[in-house]
Amino acid sequence: MPHYPDEIEYSDKYADSTYEYRHVILPKAIAKEMYRIAAAKRCLADHEWRSLGVTQSRGWVHYEIHRPEPHILLFRRPLGTDPNTGRVAQPQR
């Protein structure tokens, strides 16, 4: 049985050598709206997940659908992304 929280839950950030990640768990009512938008068959665009009430700094991309629990949105962004602009900092020469 899937876990549906009472309100949107945000994980702590975690990272590998390329990206930082986080996952967001949607409540049942919001998950139903997400299914209406994308039928859990594609990742959501920035404006779509923000319209559901998900709030995060810039640069996050919904990159994968976790088939067993599609109400859990998986996000990532490149390491070094400026949270104000969503742009990746260019390395200094």
N, C-alpha and C. Protein backbone atom coordinates (compact mmCIF):
# COMPACT_ATOMS: atom_id res chain seq x y z
N MET A 1 0.84 -1.17 0.00
CA MET A 1 0.00 0.00 0.00
C MET A 1 0.89 1.24 0.00
N PRO A 2 0.70 2.14 -0.96
CA PRO A 2 1.55 3.34 -0.99
C PRO A 2 1.30 4.26 0.20
N HIS A 3 2.34 4.97 0.58
CA HIS A 3 2.25 5.97 1.65
C HIS A 3 1.89 7.31 1.01
N TYR A 4 0.75 7.87 1.39
CA TYR A 4 0.35 9.20 0.95
C TYR A 4 0.36 10.12 2.15
N PRO A 5 1.24 11.10 2.17
CA PRO A 5 1.28 12.02 3.32
C PRO A 5 0.10 13.00 3.29
N ASP A 6 -0.11 13.71 4.38
CA ASP A 6 -1.18 14.71 4.46
C ASP A 6 -0.83 15.97 3.67
N GLU A 7 0.45 16.27 3.56
CA GLU A 7 0.89 17.40 2.75
C GLU A 7 2.16 17.01 2.01
N ILE A 8 2.58 17.83 1.06
CA ILE A 8 3.76 17.51 0.25
C ILE A 8 4.96 17.34 1.17
N GLU A 9 5.70 16.24 0.98
CA GLU A 9 6.91 15.97 1.76
C GLU A 9 8.13 16.06 0.85
N TYR A 10 9.18 16.69 1.34
CA TYR A 10 10.43 16.87 0.60
C TYR A 10 11.55 16.11 1.31
N SER A 11 12.29 15.33 0.56
CA SER A 11 13.43 14.63 1.15
C SER A 11 14.58 15.61 1.35
N ASP A 12 15.56 15.18 2.13
CA ASP A 12 16.82 15.89 2.17
C ASP A 12 17.48 15.71 0.81
N LYS A 13 18.42 16.58 0.50
CA LYS A 13 19.17 16.44 -0.75
C LYS A 13 20.25 15.38 -0.55
N TYR A 14 20.56 14.68 -1.62
CA TYR A 14 21.66 13.72 -1.63
C TYR A 14 22.33 13.84 -2.98
N ALA A 15 23.56 13.35 -3.12
CA ALA A 15 24.32 13.62 -4.34
C ALA A 15 25.23 12.46 -4.72
N ASP A 16 25.60 12.46 -6.00
CA ASP A 16 26.68 11.62 -6.48
C ASP A 16 27.73 12.58 -7.05
N SER A 17 28.59 12.14 -7.91
CA SER A 17 29.66 13.01 -8.42
C SER A 17 29.18 13.98 -9.50
N THR A 18 27.95 13.82 -9.99
CA THR A 18 27.45 14.65 -11.08
C THR A 18 26.23 15.50 -10.69
N TYR A 19 25.31 14.91 -9.94
CA TYR A 19 24.04 15.57 -9.62
C TYR A 19 23.77 15.60 -8.13
N GLU A 20 22.90 16.54 -7.74
CA GLU A 20 22.26 16.46 -6.44
C GLU A 20 20.82 16.05 -6.72
N TYR A 21 20.26 15.32 -5.78
CA TYR A 21 18.94 14.72 -5.96
C TYR A 21 18.06 15.04 -4.76
N ARG A 22 16.77 14.90 -4.98
CA ARG A 22 15.79 14.90 -3.89
C ARG A 22 14.54 14.26 -4.44
N HIS A 23 13.70 13.77 -3.56
CA HIS A 23 12.42 13.26 -4.00
C HIS A 23 11.32 13.97 -3.22
N VAL A 24 10.17 14.03 -3.86
CA VAL A 24 9.02 14.74 -3.30
C VAL A 24 7.84 13.77 -3.31
N ILE A 25 7.21 13.60 -2.15
CA ILE A 25 6.07 12.69 -2.04
C ILE A 25 4.79 13.52 -2.01
N LEU A 26 3.88 13.19 -2.95
CA LEU A 26 2.64 13.94 -3.07
C LEU A 26 1.52 13.29 -2.26
N PRO A 27 0.66 14.11 -1.64
CA PRO A 27 -0.55 13.59 -1.01
C PRO A 27 -1.49 13.03 -2.09
N LYS A 28 -2.43 12.21 -1.68
CA LYS A 28 -3.31 11.52 -2.62
C LYS A 28 -4.06 12.48 -3.54
N ALA A 29 -4.62 13.56 -3.01
CA ALA A 29 -5.39 14.51 -3.84
C ALA A 29 -4.51 15.17 -4.90
N ILE A 30 -3.29 15.52 -4.51
CA ILE A 30 -2.38 16.15 -5.47
C ILE A 30 -1.87 15.11 -6.46
N ALA A 31 -1.66 13.89 -6.01
CA ALA A 31 -1.23 12.82 -6.91
C ALA A 31 -2.30 12.58 -7.99
N LYS A 32 -3.57 12.65 -7.62
CA LYS A 32 -4.64 12.48 -8.61
C LYS A 32 -4.56 13.57 -9.68
N GLU A 33 -4.26 14.79 -9.27
CA GLU A 33 -4.11 15.89 -10.23
C GLU A 33 -2.89 15.64 -11.13
N MET A 34 -1.81 15.13 -10.55
CA MET A 34 -0.62 14.80 -11.34
C MET A 34 -0.96 13.73 -12.38
N TYR A 35 -1.75 12.72 -11.99
CA TYR A 35 -2.16 11.67 -12.93
C TYR A 35 -3.00 12.27 -14.06
N ARG A 36 -3.84 13.25 -13.73
CA ARG A 36 -4.66 13.90 -14.74
C ARG A 36 -3.79 14.64 -15.76
N ILE A 37 -2.72 15.27 -15.29
CA ILE A 37 -1.83 16.02 -16.18
C ILE A 37 -1.02 15.10 -17.08
N ALA A 38 -0.41 14.06 -16.51
CA ALA A 38 0.55 13.26 -17.27
C ALA A 38 0.28 11.77 -17.25
N ALA A 39 -0.76 11.33 -16.58
CA ALA A 39 -1.12 9.91 -16.49
C ALA A 39 0.04 9.05 -15.99
N ALA A 40 0.99 9.65 -15.28
CA ALA A 40 2.17 8.95 -14.77
C ALA A 40 2.94 8.26 -15.88
N LYS A 41 2.86 8.80 -17.11
CA LYS A 41 3.54 8.20 -18.26
C LYS A 41 4.71 9.04 -18.75
N ARG A 42 4.86 10.24 -18.19
CA ARG A 42 5.98 11.09 -18.58
C ARG A 42 6.36 11.98 -17.40
N CYS A 43 7.55 12.51 -17.46
CA CYS A 43 7.99 13.43 -16.42
C CYS A 43 7.27 14.76 -16.60
N LEU A 44 7.12 15.47 -15.51
CA LEU A 44 6.44 16.76 -15.53
C LEU A 44 7.42 17.88 -15.86
N ALA A 45 6.95 18.84 -16.63
CA ALA A 45 7.71 20.07 -16.89
C ALA A 45 7.70 20.93 -15.63
N ASP A 46 8.63 21.85 -15.56
CA ASP A 46 8.75 22.74 -14.41
C ASP A 46 7.41 23.39 -14.07
N HIS A 47 6.74 23.98 -15.04
CA HIS A 47 5.48 24.67 -14.75
C HIS A 47 4.39 23.70 -14.28
N GLU A 48 4.46 22.43 -14.68
CA GLU A 48 3.45 21.45 -14.25
C GLU A 48 3.62 21.06 -12.79
N TRP A 49 4.85 20.72 -12.39
CA TRP A 49 5.01 20.34 -10.99
C TRP A 49 4.86 21.52 -10.05
N ARG A 50 5.24 22.71 -10.51
CA ARG A 50 5.02 23.90 -9.68
C ARG A 50 3.51 24.18 -9.52
N SER A 51 2.72 23.91 -10.58
CA SER A 51 1.27 24.14 -10.50
C SER A 51 0.60 23.20 -9.50
N LEU A 52 1.26 22.09 -9.17
CA LEU A 52 0.74 21.15 -8.18
C LEU A 52 1.02 21.62 -6.75
N GLY A 53 1.85 22.66 -6.62
CA GLY A 53 2.19 23.16 -5.29
C GLY A 53 3.57 22.75 -4.82
N VAL A 54 4.34 22.07 -5.68
CA VAL A 54 5.71 21.72 -5.33
C VAL A 54 6.56 22.98 -5.43
N THR A 55 7.26 23.32 -4.34
CA THR A 55 8.08 24.52 -4.33
C THR A 55 9.53 24.14 -4.05
N GLN A 56 10.38 24.52 -4.97
CA GLN A 56 11.82 24.26 -4.85
C GLN A 56 12.55 25.41 -5.51
N SER A 57 13.82 25.54 -5.20
CA SER A 57 14.63 26.53 -5.88
C SER A 57 14.78 26.14 -7.35
N ARG A 58 15.37 26.99 -8.12
CA ARG A 58 15.48 26.77 -9.57
C ARG A 58 16.50 25.70 -9.92
N GLY A 59 16.31 25.13 -11.09
CA GLY A 59 17.27 24.16 -11.62
C GLY A 59 16.88 22.71 -11.45
N TRP A 60 15.86 22.42 -10.63
CA TRP A 60 15.44 21.04 -10.42
C TRP A 60 14.65 20.54 -11.63
N VAL A 61 14.91 19.30 -12.02
CA VAL A 61 14.23 18.67 -13.16
C VAL A 61 13.64 17.34 -12.69
N HIS A 62 12.37 17.14 -12.99
CA HIS A 62 11.72 15.85 -12.74
C HIS A 62 12.28 14.91 -13.80
N TYR A 63 13.11 13.95 -13.40
CA TYR A 63 13.88 13.17 -14.38
C TYR A 63 13.46 11.72 -14.53
N GLU A 64 12.65 11.21 -13.63
CA GLU A 64 12.29 9.79 -13.72
C GLU A 64 10.97 9.52 -13.00
N ILE A 65 10.25 8.53 -13.51
CA ILE A 65 9.02 8.08 -12.86
C ILE A 65 9.33 6.77 -12.16
N HIS A 66 9.07 6.75 -10.87
CA HIS A 66 9.27 5.54 -10.07
C HIS A 66 8.00 4.72 -10.19
N ARG A 67 7.98 3.76 -11.11
CA ARG A 67 6.75 3.03 -11.46
C ARG A 67 6.00 2.42 -10.28
N PRO A 68 6.67 1.84 -9.30
CA PRO A 68 5.88 1.28 -8.19
C PRO A 68 5.13 2.35 -7.39
N GLU A 69 5.67 3.57 -7.36
CA GLU A 69 5.06 4.65 -6.58
C GLU A 69 5.17 5.96 -7.37
N PRO A 70 4.34 6.13 -8.41
CA PRO A 70 4.46 7.32 -9.26
C PRO A 70 4.11 8.63 -8.56
N HIS A 71 3.55 8.57 -7.36
CA HIS A 71 3.27 9.79 -6.60
C HIS A 71 4.53 10.32 -5.91
N ILE A 72 5.64 9.61 -6.07
CA ILE A 72 6.93 10.09 -5.57
C ILE A 72 7.70 10.64 -6.77
N LEU A 73 7.89 11.95 -6.79
CA LEU A 73 8.56 12.61 -7.90
C LEU A 73 10.06 12.65 -7.63
N LEU A 74 10.85 12.21 -8.59
CA LEU A 74 12.30 12.17 -8.46
C LEU A 74 12.90 13.36 -9.21
N PHE A 75 13.67 14.16 -8.51
CA PHE A 75 14.27 15.37 -9.08
C PHE A 75 15.79 15.29 -9.00
N ARG A 76 16.43 15.98 -9.95
CA ARG A 76 17.88 16.13 -9.90
C ARG A 76 18.25 17.46 -10.56
N ARG A 77 19.47 17.90 -10.24
CA ARG A 77 20.06 19.05 -10.93
C ARG A 77 21.57 18.90 -10.84
N PRO A 78 22.29 19.42 -11.83
CA PRO A 78 23.75 19.29 -11.81
C PRO A 78 24.35 19.95 -10.57
N LEU A 79 25.39 19.35 -10.05
CA LEU A 79 26.11 19.97 -8.94
C LEU A 79 26.60 21.34 -9.37
N GLY A 80 26.57 22.28 -8.47
CA GLY A 80 27.02 23.64 -8.78
C GLY A 80 25.94 24.52 -9.37
N THR A 81 24.70 24.04 -9.41
CA THR A 81 23.59 24.85 -9.94
C THR A 81 23.29 26.00 -8.97
N ASP A 82 23.17 27.20 -9.51
CA ASP A 82 22.80 28.36 -8.71
C ASP A 82 21.30 28.26 -8.42
N PRO A 83 20.90 28.16 -7.16
CA PRO A 83 19.48 27.99 -6.83
C PRO A 83 18.62 29.21 -7.17
N ASN A 84 19.24 30.37 -7.38
CA ASN A 84 18.48 31.57 -7.73
C ASN A 84 18.22 31.68 -9.23
N THR A 85 19.16 31.20 -10.04
CA THR A 85 19.02 31.32 -11.50
C THR A 85 18.70 30.00 -12.17
N GLY A 86 19.07 28.87 -11.53
CA GLY A 86 18.92 27.56 -12.15
C GLY A 86 20.01 27.24 -13.13
N ARG A 87 21.02 28.10 -13.21
CA ARG A 87 22.13 27.89 -14.14
C ARG A 87 23.31 27.24 -13.41
N VAL A 88 24.04 26.42 -14.16
CA VAL A 88 25.22 25.77 -13.61
C VAL A 88 26.38 26.73 -13.71
N ALA A 89 27.08 26.90 -12.60
CA ALA A 89 28.26 27.77 -12.58
C ALA A 89 29.32 27.24 -13.53
N GLN A 90 29.88 28.12 -14.32
CA GLN A 90 30.95 27.73 -15.23
C GLN A 90 32.27 27.67 -14.46
N PRO A 91 33.07 26.62 -14.71
CA PRO A 91 34.35 26.52 -13.99
C PRO A 91 35.27 27.70 -14.32
N GLN A 92 36.01 28.15 -13.32
CA GLN A 92 36.99 29.22 -13.51
C GLN A 92 38.20 28.67 -14.24
N ARG A 93 38.76 29.48 -15.13
CA ARG A 93 39.98 29.05 -15.85
C ARG A 93 41.20 29.55 -15.17
